[in-house]
């Protein structure tokens, strides 16, 4: 099964080798037919502490790195 790749914005870089990435998705409500924005936060592995708060990044699924980290930063995204 292919690994998922998501795009988001770094919301926290306080921890060593870890960034928190907020990923927003948009979809149409099935009944109201209104576009809804939902966001979810993922903890991603950042080996060299390269990315700072506000950076747009792409993250990819990986094997568990810790209790909460299942993603790693792939590259900086074009914002």
PDB file of N, CA and C in Angstrom:
ATOM      1  N   UNK A   1       0.846  -1.182   0.000  1.00  0.00           N
ATOM      2  CA  UNK A   1       0.000   0.000   0.000  1.00  0.00           C
ATOM      3  C   UNK A   1       0.892   1.246   0.000  1.00  0.00           C
ATOM      4  N   UNK A   2       0.596   2.236  -0.842  1.00  0.00           N
ATOM      5  CA  UNK A   2       1.455   3.413  -0.900  1.00  0.00           C
ATOM      6  C   UNK A   2       1.340   4.265   0.362  1.00  0.00           C
ATOM      7  N   UNK A   3       2.416   4.963   0.653  1.00  0.00           N
ATOM      8  CA  UNK A   3       2.427   5.840   1.819  1.00  0.00           C
ATOM      9  C   UNK A   3       1.721   7.140   1.478  1.00  0.00           C
ATOM     10  N   UNK A   4       0.932   7.627   2.417  1.00  0.00           N
ATOM     11  CA  UNK A   4       0.219   8.882   2.198  1.00  0.00           C
ATOM     12  C   UNK A   4       1.171  10.065   2.336  1.00  0.00           C
ATOM     13  N   UNK A   5       0.925  11.105   1.556  1.00  0.00           N
ATOM     14  CA  UNK A   5       1.677  12.351   1.641  1.00  0.00           C
ATOM     15  C   UNK A   5       0.662  13.469   1.860  1.00  0.00           C
ATOM     16  N   UNK A   6       0.889  14.274   2.893  1.00  0.00           N
ATOM     17  CA  UNK A   6      -0.010  15.378   3.220  1.00  0.00           C
ATOM     18  C   UNK A   6       0.770  16.688   3.232  1.00  0.00           C
ATOM     19  N   UNK A   7       0.067  17.788   2.972  1.00  0.00           N
ATOM     20  CA  UNK A   7       0.669  19.119   3.023  1.00  0.00           C
ATOM     21  C   UNK A   7       0.053  19.887   4.175  1.00  0.00           C
ATOM     22  N   UNK A   8       0.881  20.640   4.878  1.00  0.00           N
ATOM     23  CA  UNK A   8       0.374  21.419   5.998  1.00  0.00           C
ATOM     24  C   UNK A   8       1.352  22.497   6.415  1.00  0.00           C
ATOM     25  N   UNK A   9       1.033  23.135   7.541  1.00  0.00           N
ATOM     26  CA  UNK A   9       1.842  24.233   8.063  1.00  0.00           C
ATOM     27  C   UNK A   9       2.342  23.850   9.450  1.00  0.00           C
ATOM     28  N   UNK A  10       3.617  24.118   9.709  1.00  0.00           N
ATOM     29  CA  UNK A  10       4.203  23.826  11.023  1.00  0.00           C
ATOM     30  C   UNK A  10       3.606  24.789  12.048  1.00  0.00           C
ATOM     31  N   UNK A  11       3.022  24.226  13.114  1.00  0.00           N
ATOM     32  CA  UNK A  11       2.431  25.064  14.161  1.00  0.00           C
ATOM     33  C   UNK A  11       3.285  25.103  15.414  1.00  0.00           C
ATOM     34  N   UNK A  12       4.216  24.128  15.567  1.00  0.00           N
ATOM     35  CA  UNK A  12       5.090  24.114  16.733  1.00  0.00           C
ATOM     36  C   UNK A  12       6.385  23.402  16.390  1.00  0.00           C
ATOM     37  N   UNK A  13       7.496  23.957  16.895  1.00  0.00           N
ATOM     38  CA  UNK A  13       8.799  23.310  16.730  1.00  0.00           C
ATOM     39  C   UNK A  13       9.547  23.277  18.061  1.00  0.00           C
ATOM     40  N   UNK A  14       8.797  23.217  19.164  1.00  0.00           N
ATOM     41  CA  UNK A  14       9.376  23.314  20.501  1.00  0.00           C
ATOM     42  C   UNK A  14      10.196  22.083  20.887  1.00  0.00           C
ATOM     43  N   UNK A  15       9.810  20.906  20.417  1.00  0.00           N
ATOM     44  CA  UNK A  15      10.496  19.684  20.815  1.00  0.00           C
ATOM     45  C   UNK A  15      11.666  19.370  19.879  1.00  0.00           C
ATOM     46  N   UNK A  16      12.641  18.640  20.400  1.00  0.00           N
ATOM     47  CA  UNK A  16      13.807  18.258  19.605  1.00  0.00           C
ATOM     48  C   UNK A  16      13.411  17.222  18.555  1.00  0.00           C
ATOM     49  N   UNK A  17      13.810  17.459  17.317  1.00  0.00           N
ATOM     50  CA  UNK A  17      13.589  16.559  16.187  1.00  0.00           C
ATOM     51  C   UNK A  17      12.116  16.284  15.900  1.00  0.00           C
ATOM     52  N   UNK A  18      11.232  17.159  16.366  1.00  0.00           N
ATOM     53  CA  UNK A  18       9.802  16.972  16.158  1.00  0.00           C
ATOM     54  C   UNK A  18       9.146  18.296  15.807  1.00  0.00           C
ATOM     55  N   UNK A  19       8.242  18.257  14.836  1.00  0.00           N
ATOM     56  CA  UNK A  19       7.408  19.420  14.540  1.00  0.00           C
ATOM     57  C   UNK A  19       5.949  18.979  14.558  1.00  0.00           C
ATOM     58  N   UNK A  20       5.076  19.889  14.917  1.00  0.00           N
ATOM     59  CA  UNK A  20       3.646  19.644  14.853  1.00  0.00           C
ATOM     60  C   UNK A  20       3.134  20.327  13.596  1.00  0.00           C
ATOM     61  N   UNK A  21       2.471  19.543  12.735  1.00  0.00           N
ATOM     62  CA  UNK A  21       2.001  20.051  11.451  1.00  0.00           C
ATOM     63  C   UNK A  21       0.478  20.026  11.429  1.00  0.00           C
ATOM     64  N   UNK A  22      -0.134  21.158  11.105  1.00  0.00           N
ATOM     65  CA  UNK A  22      -1.578  21.259  10.989  1.00  0.00           C
ATOM     66  C   UNK A  22      -1.961  21.083   9.522  1.00  0.00           C
ATOM     67  N   UNK A  23      -2.778  20.061   9.255  1.00  0.00           N
ATOM     68  CA  UNK A  23      -3.204  19.760   7.893  1.00  0.00           C
ATOM     69  C   UNK A  23      -4.697  20.065   7.777  1.00  0.00           C
ATOM     70  N   UNK A  24      -5.039  20.894   6.793  1.00  0.00           N
ATOM     71  CA  UNK A  24      -6.440  21.293   6.607  1.00  0.00           C
ATOM     72  C   UNK A  24      -7.026  20.561   5.405  1.00  0.00           C
ATOM     73  N   UNK A  25      -8.248  20.062   5.558  1.00  0.00           N
ATOM     74  CA  UNK A  25      -8.934  19.445   4.427  1.00  0.00           C
ATOM     75  C   UNK A  25     -10.270  20.142   4.232  1.00  0.00           C
ATOM     76  N   UNK A  26     -10.707  20.205   2.999  1.00  0.00           N
ATOM     77  CA  UNK A  26     -11.985  20.836   2.663  1.00  0.00           C
ATOM     78  C   UNK A  26     -12.876  19.803   1.996  1.00  0.00           C
ATOM     79  N   UNK A  27     -14.136  19.823   2.359  1.00  0.00           N
ATOM     80  CA  UNK A  27     -15.084  18.902   1.744  1.00  0.00           C
ATOM     81  C   UNK A  27     -16.470  19.526   1.773  1.00  0.00           C
ATOM     82  N   UNK A  28     -17.353  18.998   0.971  1.00  0.00           N
ATOM     83  CA  UNK A  28     -18.722  19.491   0.914  1.00  0.00           C
ATOM     84  C   UNK A  28     -19.584  18.691   1.866  1.00  0.00           C
ATOM     85  N   UNK A  29     -20.358  19.388   2.699  1.00  0.00           N
ATOM     86  CA  UNK A  29     -21.257  18.739   3.642  1.00  0.00           C
ATOM     87  C   UNK A  29     -22.321  17.973   2.857  1.00  0.00           C
ATOM     88  N   UNK A  30     -22.584  16.707   3.214  1.00  0.00           N
ATOM     89  CA  UNK A  30     -23.508  15.899   2.412  1.00  0.00           C
ATOM     90  C   UNK A  30     -24.947  16.419   2.362  1.00  0.00           C
ATOM     91  N   UNK A  31     -25.409  17.068   3.419  1.00  0.00           N
ATOM     92  CA  UNK A  31     -26.788  17.555   3.448  1.00  0.00           C
ATOM     93  C   UNK A  31     -26.860  19.046   3.114  1.00  0.00           C
ATOM     94  N   UNK A  32     -26.015  19.843   3.754  1.00  0.00           N
ATOM     95  CA  UNK A  32     -26.073  21.293   3.587  1.00  0.00           C
ATOM     96  C   UNK A  32     -25.424  21.800   2.304  1.00  0.00           C
ATOM     97  N   UNK A  33     -24.607  20.955   1.648  1.00  0.00           N
ATOM     98  CA  UNK A  33     -23.902  21.325   0.423  1.00  0.00           C
ATOM     99  C   UNK A  33     -23.024  22.555   0.623  1.00  0.00           C
ATOM    100  N   UNK A  34     -22.501  22.696   1.815  1.00  0.00           N
ATOM    101  CA  UNK A  34     -21.656  23.826   2.156  1.00  0.00           C
ATOM    102  C   UNK A  34     -20.219  23.322   2.296  1.00  0.00           C
ATOM    103  N   UNK A  35     -19.250  24.105   1.837  1.00  0.00           N
ATOM    104  CA  UNK A  35     -17.849  23.706   1.972  1.00  0.00           C
ATOM    105  C   UNK A  35     -17.411  23.897   3.412  1.00  0.00           C
ATOM    106  N   UNK A  36     -16.837  22.834   3.978  1.00  0.00           N
ATOM    107  CA  UNK A  36     -16.414  22.837   5.375  1.00  0.00           C
ATOM    108  C   UNK A  36     -14.906  22.639   5.433  1.00  0.00           C
ATOM    109  N   UNK A  37     -14.248  23.376   6.342  1.00  0.00           N
ATOM    110  CA  UNK A  37     -12.816  23.224   6.560  1.00  0.00           C
ATOM    111  C   UNK A  37     -12.588  22.521   7.892  1.00  0.00           C
ATOM    112  N   UNK A  38     -11.839  21.430   7.861  1.00  0.00           N
ATOM    113  CA  UNK A  38     -11.474  20.732   9.089  1.00  0.00           C
ATOM    114  C   UNK A  38      -9.967  20.601   9.116  1.00  0.00           C
ATOM    115  N   UNK A  39      -9.379  20.728  10.292  1.00  0.00           N
ATOM    116  CA  UNK A  39      -7.936  20.580  10.394  1.00  0.00           C
ATOM    117  C   UNK A  39      -7.591  19.525  11.434  1.00  0.00           C
ATOM    118  N   UNK A  40      -6.441  18.908  11.239  1.00  0.00           N
ATOM    119  CA  UNK A  40      -5.951  17.891  12.153  1.00  0.00           C
ATOM    120  C   UNK A  40      -4.458  18.100  12.321  1.00  0.00           C
ATOM    121  N   UNK A  41      -3.954  17.854  13.526  1.00  0.00           N
ATOM    122  CA  UNK A  41      -2.540  18.046  13.794  1.00  0.00           C
ATOM    123  C   UNK A  41      -1.816  16.708  13.814  1.00  0.00           C
ATOM    124  N   UNK A  42      -0.667  16.676  13.173  1.00  0.00           N
ATOM    125  CA  UNK A  42       0.183  15.486  13.144  1.00  0.00           C
ATOM    126  C   UNK A  42       1.549  15.850  13.705  1.00  0.00           C
ATOM    127  N   UNK A  43       2.155  14.916  14.443  1.00  0.00           N
ATOM    128  CA  UNK A  43       3.517  15.105  14.926  1.00  0.00           C
ATOM    129  C   UNK A  43       4.437  14.403  13.939  1.00  0.00           C
ATOM    130  N   UNK A  44       5.425  15.134  13.430  1.00  0.00           N
ATOM    131  CA  UNK A  44       6.306  14.602  12.394  1.00  0.00           C
ATOM    132  C   UNK A  44       7.768  14.706  12.812  1.00  0.00           C
ATOM    133  N   UNK A  45       8.555  13.749  12.360  1.00  0.00           N
ATOM    134  CA  UNK A  45       9.981  13.693  12.672  1.00  0.00           C
ATOM    135  C   UNK A  45      10.741  14.661  11.769  1.00  0.00           C
ATOM    136  N   UNK A  46      11.542  15.523  12.383  1.00  0.00           N
ATOM    137  CA  UNK A  46      12.374  16.496  11.665  1.00  0.00           C
ATOM    138  C   UNK A  46      13.797  16.313  12.180  1.00  0.00           C
ATOM    139  N   UNK A  47      14.562  15.465  11.494  1.00  0.00           N
ATOM    140  CA  UNK A  47      15.876  15.015  11.967  1.00  0.00           C
ATOM    141  C   UNK A  47      16.804  16.147  12.387  1.00  0.00           C
ATOM    142  N   UNK A  48      16.933  17.184  11.563  1.00  0.00           N
ATOM    143  CA  UNK A  48      17.923  18.241  11.813  1.00  0.00           C
ATOM    144  C   UNK A  48      17.320  19.538  12.351  1.00  0.00           C
ATOM    145  N   UNK A  49      16.095  19.494  12.831  1.00  0.00           N
ATOM    146  CA  UNK A  49      15.397  20.692  13.326  1.00  0.00           C
ATOM    147  C   UNK A  49      15.441  21.813  12.285  1.00  0.00           C
ATOM    148  N   UNK A  50      15.159  21.466  11.043  1.00  0.00           N
ATOM    149  CA  UNK A  50      15.254  22.396   9.921  1.00  0.00           C
ATOM    150  C   UNK A  50      14.087  23.364   9.856  1.00  0.00           C
ATOM    151  N   UNK A  51      12.885  22.895  10.166  1.00  0.00           N
ATOM    152  CA  UNK A  51      11.678  23.681   9.918  1.00  0.00           C
ATOM    153  C   UNK A  51      11.219  24.429  11.170  1.00  0.00           C
ATOM    154  N   UNK A  52      10.728  25.632  10.947  1.00  0.00           N
ATOM    155  CA  UNK A  52      10.274  26.507  12.022  1.00  0.00           C
ATOM    156  C   UNK A  52       8.780  26.768  11.888  1.00  0.00           C
ATOM    157  N   UNK A  53       8.189  27.331  12.916  1.00  0.00           N
ATOM    158  CA  UNK A  53       6.765  27.646  12.924  1.00  0.00           C
ATOM    159  C   UNK A  53       6.408  28.544  11.741  1.00  0.00           C
ATOM    160  N   UNK A  54       5.343  28.180  11.029  1.00  0.00           N
ATOM    161  CA  UNK A  54       4.879  28.949   9.886  1.00  0.00           C
ATOM    162  C   UNK A  54       5.334  28.402   8.546  1.00  0.00           C
ATOM    163  N   UNK A  55       6.288  27.474   8.542  1.00  0.00           N
ATOM    164  CA  UNK A  55       6.767  26.894   7.283  1.00  0.00           C
ATOM    165  C   UNK A  55       5.736  25.933   6.707  1.00  0.00           C
ATOM    166  N   UNK A  56       5.577  25.945   5.390  1.00  0.00           N
ATOM    167  CA  UNK A  56       4.712  24.987   4.696  1.00  0.00           C
ATOM    168  C   UNK A  56       5.553  23.756   4.376  1.00  0.00           C
ATOM    169  N   UNK A  57       5.076  22.574   4.766  1.00  0.00           N
ATOM    170  CA  UNK A  57       5.839  21.341   4.573  1.00  0.00           C
ATOM    171  C   UNK A  57       4.951  20.238   4.028  1.00  0.00           C
ATOM    172  N   UNK A  58       5.601  19.193   3.501  1.00  0.00           N
ATOM    173  CA  UNK A  58       4.914  17.972   3.103  1.00  0.00           C
ATOM    174  C   UNK A  58       5.413  16.866   4.022  1.00  0.00           C
ATOM    175  N   UNK A  59       4.494  16.036   4.529  1.00  0.00           N
ATOM    176  CA  UNK A  59       4.863  14.942   5.422  1.00  0.00           C
ATOM    177  C   UNK A  59       4.442  13.614   4.809  1.00  0.00           C
ATOM    178  N   UNK A  60       5.169  12.548   5.159  1.00  0.00           N
ATOM    179  CA  UNK A  60       4.905  11.224   4.616  1.00  0.00           C
ATOM    180  C   UNK A  60       4.813  10.232   5.766  1.00  0.00           C
ATOM    181  N   UNK A  61       3.952   9.234   5.582  1.00  0.00           N
ATOM    182  CA  UNK A  61       3.803   8.184   6.586  1.00  0.00           C
ATOM    183  C   UNK A  61       5.103   7.412   6.742  1.00  0.00           C
ATOM    184  N   UNK A  62       5.350   6.912   7.954  1.00  0.00           N
ATOM    185  CA  UNK A  62       6.529   6.087   8.198  1.00  0.00           C
ATOM    186  C   UNK A  62       6.221   5.128   9.349  1.00  0.00           C
ATOM    187  N   UNK A  63       7.163   4.269   9.629  1.00  0.00           N
ATOM    188  CA  UNK A  63       7.031   3.371  10.776  1.00  0.00           C
ATOM    189  C   UNK A  63       7.059   4.221  12.050  1.00  0.00           C
ATOM    190  N   UNK A  64       6.418   3.774  13.134  1.00  0.00           N
ATOM    191  CA  UNK A  64       6.390   4.573  14.360  1.00  0.00           C
ATOM    192  C   UNK A  64       7.785   4.924  14.869  1.00  0.00           C
ATOM    193  N   UNK A  65       8.001   6.233  15.122  1.00  0.00           N
ATOM    194  CA  UNK A  65       9.269   6.712  15.657  1.00  0.00           C
ATOM    195  C   UNK A  65       9.203   6.849  17.171  1.00  0.00           C
ATOM    196  N   UNK A  66       7.991   7.096  17.700  1.00  0.00           N
ATOM    197  CA  UNK A  66       7.781   7.220  19.140  1.00  0.00           C
ATOM    198  C   UNK A  66       6.299   6.955  19.417  1.00  0.00           C
ATOM    199  N   UNK A  67       5.874   7.266  20.611  1.00  0.00           N
ATOM    200  CA  UNK A  67       4.479   7.015  20.989  1.00  0.00           C
ATOM    201  C   UNK A  67       3.495   7.769  20.088  1.00  0.00           C
ATOM    202  N   UNK A  68       3.849   8.982  19.697  1.00  0.00           N
ATOM    203  CA  UNK A  68       2.914   9.813  18.925  1.00  0.00           C
ATOM    204  C   UNK A  68       3.358  10.094  17.492  1.00  0.00           C
ATOM    205  N   UNK A  69       4.611   9.818  17.139  1.00  0.00           N
ATOM    206  CA  UNK A  69       5.122  10.167  15.810  1.00  0.00           C
ATOM    207  C   UNK A  69       5.003   8.999  14.836  1.00  0.00           C
ATOM    208  N   UNK A  70       4.186   9.199  13.784  1.00  0.00           N
ATOM    209  CA  UNK A  70       4.018   8.215  12.708  1.00  0.00           C
ATOM    210  C   UNK A  70       4.292   8.846  11.352  1.00  0.00           C
ATOM    211  N   UNK A  71       4.817  10.054  11.333  1.00  0.00           N
ATOM    212  CA  UNK A  71       5.062  10.799  10.097  1.00  0.00           C
ATOM    213  C   UNK A  71       6.460  11.386  10.141  1.00  0.00           C
ATOM    214  N   UNK A  72       7.027  11.650   8.968  1.00  0.00           N
ATOM    215  CA  UNK A  72       8.291  12.387   8.907  1.00  0.00           C
ATOM    216  C   UNK A  72       8.189  13.447   7.821  1.00  0.00           C
ATOM    217  N   UNK A  73       8.942  14.535   8.018  1.00  0.00           N
ATOM    218  CA  UNK A  73       8.908  15.645   7.069  1.00  0.00           C
ATOM    219  C   UNK A  73       9.632  15.215   5.801  1.00  0.00           C
ATOM    220  N   UNK A  74       8.945  15.376   4.672  1.00  0.00           N
ATOM    221  CA  UNK A  74       9.500  14.985   3.383  1.00  0.00           C
ATOM    222  C   UNK A  74      10.300  16.132   2.772  1.00  0.00           C
ATOM    223  N   UNK A  75       9.688  17.302   2.709  1.00  0.00           N
ATOM    224  CA  UNK A  75      10.317  18.473   2.082  1.00  0.00           C
ATOM    225  C   UNK A  75       9.506  19.709   2.404  1.00  0.00           C
ATOM    226  N   UNK A  76      10.056  20.862   2.068  1.00  0.00           N
ATOM    227  CA  UNK A  76       9.312  22.112   2.187  1.00  0.00           C
ATOM    228  C   UNK A  76       8.341  22.183   1.018  1.00  0.00           C
ATOM    229  N   UNK A  77       7.129  22.610   1.286  1.00  0.00           N
ATOM    230  CA  UNK A  77       6.110  22.704   0.239  1.00  0.00           C
ATOM    231  C   UNK A  77       6.102  24.115  -0.340  1.00  0.00           C
ATOM    232  N   UNK A  78       5.665  24.224  -1.577  1.00  0.00           N
ATOM    233  CA  UNK A  78       5.526  25.541  -2.197  1.00  0.00           C
ATOM    234  C   UNK A  78       4.246  26.176  -1.676  1.00  0.00           C
ATOM    235  N   UNK A  79       4.377  27.249  -0.962  1.00  0.00           N
ATOM    236  CA  UNK A  79       3.203  27.883  -0.349  1.00  0.00           C
ATOM    237  C   UNK A  79       2.511  28.837  -1.277  1.00  0.00           C
TER     238      UNK A  79
END
